[in-house]
N, C-alpha and C. Protein backbone atom coordinates (compact mmCIF):
# COMPACT_ATOMS: atom_id res chain seq x y z
N MET A 1 -7.23 35.41 13.84
CA MET A 1 -7.30 34.36 12.86
C MET A 1 -6.70 33.08 13.47
N PRO A 2 -7.42 31.93 13.38
CA PRO A 2 -6.91 30.69 13.98
C PRO A 2 -5.68 30.16 13.23
N THR A 3 -4.82 29.49 13.97
CA THR A 3 -3.63 28.86 13.40
C THR A 3 -3.89 27.36 13.30
N TYR A 4 -3.59 26.78 12.15
CA TYR A 4 -3.78 25.35 11.95
C TYR A 4 -2.43 24.66 11.91
N GLU A 5 -2.35 23.57 12.62
CA GLU A 5 -1.12 22.77 12.65
C GLU A 5 -1.36 21.51 11.84
N ARG A 6 -0.51 21.26 10.87
CA ARG A 6 -0.62 20.05 10.04
C ARG A 6 0.28 18.98 10.63
N ARG A 7 -0.30 17.83 10.94
CA ARG A 7 0.47 16.71 11.50
C ARG A 7 0.43 15.53 10.54
N LEU A 8 1.58 14.93 10.32
CA LEU A 8 1.68 13.76 9.46
C LEU A 8 1.87 12.52 10.31
N THR A 9 1.31 11.42 9.88
CA THR A 9 1.44 10.15 10.60
C THR A 9 2.51 9.29 9.94
N HIS A 10 3.47 8.82 10.73
CA HIS A 10 4.53 7.95 10.23
C HIS A 10 3.97 6.54 10.06
N ILE A 11 4.03 6.01 8.84
CA ILE A 11 3.56 4.65 8.55
C ILE A 11 4.74 3.89 7.96
N ALA A 12 5.11 2.77 8.61
CA ALA A 12 6.25 1.98 8.14
C ALA A 12 6.15 0.55 8.62
N SER A 13 6.84 -0.34 7.89
CA SER A 13 6.99 -1.75 8.25
C SER A 13 5.66 -2.46 8.41
N VAL A 14 4.88 -2.46 7.33
CA VAL A 14 3.57 -3.13 7.32
C VAL A 14 3.66 -4.33 6.38
N THR A 15 3.19 -5.50 6.84
CA THR A 15 3.14 -6.70 6.02
C THR A 15 1.71 -7.24 6.04
N LEU A 16 1.17 -7.50 4.85
CA LEU A 16 -0.14 -8.15 4.71
C LEU A 16 0.09 -9.48 4.02
N LYS A 17 -0.51 -10.56 4.56
CA LYS A 17 -0.29 -11.90 4.02
C LYS A 17 -1.60 -12.63 3.77
N HIS A 18 -1.57 -13.48 2.75
CA HIS A 18 -2.63 -14.45 2.46
C HIS A 18 -4.00 -13.80 2.33
N ILE A 19 -4.12 -12.88 1.39
CA ILE A 19 -5.39 -12.20 1.13
C ILE A 19 -5.81 -12.54 -0.30
N ASP A 20 -7.04 -12.98 -0.46
CA ASP A 20 -7.57 -13.34 -1.77
C ASP A 20 -8.95 -12.71 -1.91
N VAL A 21 -9.09 -11.81 -2.87
CA VAL A 21 -10.37 -11.14 -3.10
C VAL A 21 -10.86 -11.47 -4.50
N GLY A 22 -12.15 -11.29 -4.73
CA GLY A 22 -12.72 -11.54 -6.05
C GLY A 22 -12.48 -10.37 -6.97
N LYS A 23 -13.54 -9.66 -7.32
CA LYS A 23 -13.44 -8.51 -8.21
C LYS A 23 -13.19 -7.26 -7.39
N THR A 24 -12.20 -6.47 -7.82
CA THR A 24 -11.86 -5.24 -7.11
C THR A 24 -11.29 -4.22 -8.09
N SER A 25 -11.19 -2.99 -7.67
CA SER A 25 -10.65 -1.96 -8.55
C SER A 25 -9.14 -2.10 -8.72
N TYR A 26 -8.42 -2.32 -7.62
CA TYR A 26 -6.95 -2.41 -7.66
C TYR A 26 -6.49 -3.30 -6.51
N LEU A 27 -5.25 -3.75 -6.60
CA LEU A 27 -4.69 -4.62 -5.57
C LEU A 27 -4.14 -3.81 -4.40
N CYS A 28 -3.49 -2.70 -4.71
CA CYS A 28 -2.89 -1.86 -3.67
C CYS A 28 -2.86 -0.40 -4.12
N LYS A 29 -3.33 0.48 -3.25
CA LYS A 29 -3.29 1.92 -3.53
C LYS A 29 -2.89 2.64 -2.25
N ILE A 30 -1.67 3.14 -2.25
CA ILE A 30 -1.14 3.88 -1.10
C ILE A 30 -0.83 5.29 -1.57
N ASP A 31 -1.37 6.27 -0.89
CA ASP A 31 -1.16 7.67 -1.26
C ASP A 31 -0.46 8.37 -0.09
N GLY A 32 0.86 8.18 -0.03
CA GLY A 32 1.65 8.78 1.05
C GLY A 32 1.90 10.26 0.80
N GLN A 33 2.45 10.90 1.78
CA GLN A 33 2.79 12.33 1.69
C GLN A 33 4.25 12.48 1.27
N ALA A 34 4.53 13.44 0.42
CA ALA A 34 5.90 13.69 -0.04
C ALA A 34 6.82 14.04 1.13
N GLU A 35 6.28 14.76 2.12
CA GLU A 35 7.07 15.18 3.27
C GLU A 35 7.42 14.02 4.21
N LEU A 36 6.60 12.96 4.21
CA LEU A 36 6.83 11.80 5.07
C LEU A 36 6.29 10.56 4.35
N PRO A 37 7.07 10.00 3.41
CA PRO A 37 6.59 8.86 2.62
C PRO A 37 6.32 7.63 3.49
N VAL A 38 5.39 6.80 3.02
CA VAL A 38 5.15 5.49 3.63
C VAL A 38 6.36 4.62 3.31
N GLN A 39 6.80 3.81 4.29
CA GLN A 39 8.02 3.03 4.11
C GLN A 39 7.82 1.55 4.40
N ASN A 40 8.51 0.72 3.62
CA ASN A 40 8.65 -0.71 3.84
C ASN A 40 7.31 -1.44 3.97
N ILE A 41 6.62 -1.54 2.85
CA ILE A 41 5.34 -2.23 2.78
C ILE A 41 5.55 -3.53 2.01
N ARG A 42 5.06 -4.65 2.58
CA ARG A 42 5.17 -5.96 1.93
C ARG A 42 3.80 -6.58 1.78
N LEU A 43 3.49 -7.04 0.58
CA LEU A 43 2.30 -7.83 0.34
C LEU A 43 2.76 -9.23 -0.05
N VAL A 44 2.37 -10.22 0.73
CA VAL A 44 2.78 -11.60 0.49
C VAL A 44 1.54 -12.44 0.22
N ASP A 45 1.50 -13.07 -0.94
CA ASP A 45 0.38 -13.93 -1.33
C ASP A 45 -0.94 -13.14 -1.28
N VAL A 46 -0.94 -11.98 -1.90
CA VAL A 46 -2.14 -11.14 -2.01
C VAL A 46 -2.60 -11.20 -3.47
N LYS A 47 -3.84 -11.68 -3.69
CA LYS A 47 -4.33 -11.93 -5.04
C LYS A 47 -5.74 -11.37 -5.22
N ALA A 48 -6.08 -11.09 -6.47
CA ALA A 48 -7.43 -10.68 -6.82
C ALA A 48 -7.88 -11.45 -8.05
N GLY A 49 -9.16 -11.80 -8.08
CA GLY A 49 -9.71 -12.51 -9.22
C GLY A 49 -9.70 -11.67 -10.49
N SER A 50 -10.17 -10.43 -10.39
CA SER A 50 -10.14 -9.51 -11.53
C SER A 50 -10.01 -8.08 -11.03
N LEU A 51 -9.33 -7.27 -11.83
CA LEU A 51 -9.07 -5.87 -11.49
C LEU A 51 -9.68 -4.96 -12.54
N ASN A 52 -10.21 -3.81 -12.11
CA ASN A 52 -10.77 -2.83 -13.04
C ASN A 52 -9.75 -1.77 -13.44
N GLU A 53 -8.70 -1.62 -12.65
CA GLU A 53 -7.68 -0.59 -12.89
C GLU A 53 -6.30 -1.22 -12.78
N GLU A 54 -5.27 -0.38 -12.86
CA GLU A 54 -3.89 -0.84 -12.67
C GLU A 54 -3.75 -1.45 -11.28
N ALA A 55 -3.06 -2.58 -11.17
CA ALA A 55 -2.99 -3.33 -9.91
C ALA A 55 -2.35 -2.54 -8.77
N ILE A 56 -1.21 -1.91 -9.02
CA ILE A 56 -0.48 -1.18 -7.98
C ILE A 56 -0.51 0.31 -8.32
N GLN A 57 -1.07 1.11 -7.41
CA GLN A 57 -1.20 2.56 -7.63
C GLN A 57 -0.64 3.30 -6.42
N ASN A 58 0.65 3.24 -6.24
CA ASN A 58 1.28 3.84 -5.06
C ASN A 58 1.94 5.18 -5.38
N LYS A 59 1.83 6.11 -4.43
CA LYS A 59 2.50 7.41 -4.52
C LYS A 59 3.22 7.66 -3.21
N ASN A 60 4.43 8.17 -3.31
CA ASN A 60 5.23 8.51 -2.13
C ASN A 60 5.39 7.31 -1.18
N VAL A 61 5.88 6.21 -1.75
CA VAL A 61 6.15 4.98 -1.00
C VAL A 61 7.60 4.60 -1.25
N ILE A 62 8.33 4.32 -0.19
CA ILE A 62 9.72 3.87 -0.27
C ILE A 62 9.78 2.45 0.25
N GLY A 63 10.23 1.51 -0.57
CA GLY A 63 10.38 0.13 -0.12
C GLY A 63 9.08 -0.66 -0.19
N PHE A 64 8.57 -0.89 -1.39
CA PHE A 64 7.35 -1.68 -1.58
C PHE A 64 7.72 -3.00 -2.23
N ALA A 65 7.18 -4.12 -1.72
CA ALA A 65 7.45 -5.43 -2.29
C ALA A 65 6.16 -6.23 -2.39
N LEU A 66 5.97 -6.88 -3.53
CA LEU A 66 4.83 -7.77 -3.76
C LEU A 66 5.37 -9.15 -4.08
N SER A 67 5.01 -10.12 -3.26
CA SER A 67 5.44 -11.50 -3.45
C SER A 67 4.19 -12.35 -3.62
N LEU A 68 4.08 -13.05 -4.75
CA LEU A 68 2.87 -13.81 -5.04
C LEU A 68 2.82 -15.15 -4.34
N SER A 69 3.94 -15.65 -3.87
CA SER A 69 3.93 -16.92 -3.14
C SER A 69 4.20 -16.67 -1.67
N GLY A 70 3.70 -17.55 -0.83
CA GLY A 70 3.88 -17.39 0.60
C GLY A 70 5.21 -17.90 1.11
N SER A 71 6.10 -18.31 0.22
CA SER A 71 7.39 -18.87 0.67
C SER A 71 8.43 -17.78 0.75
N HIS A 72 8.68 -17.27 1.96
CA HIS A 72 9.72 -16.28 2.19
C HIS A 72 10.37 -16.52 3.52
């Protein structure tokens, strides 16, 4: 019987800036793993014209920040 190895990818310290979209489902959706959460995500001046769902839909994320202005 084959053995399967599960590997998780470390994702941390990501910043997205100056993004403007029209119609979209959500602004941010991060689905991290409980065993290795996504860490330190910043969205700066990220906007959408209209959303169909809840704007922020994050799971297993530590350190998330949304700043609507580009002044930081």
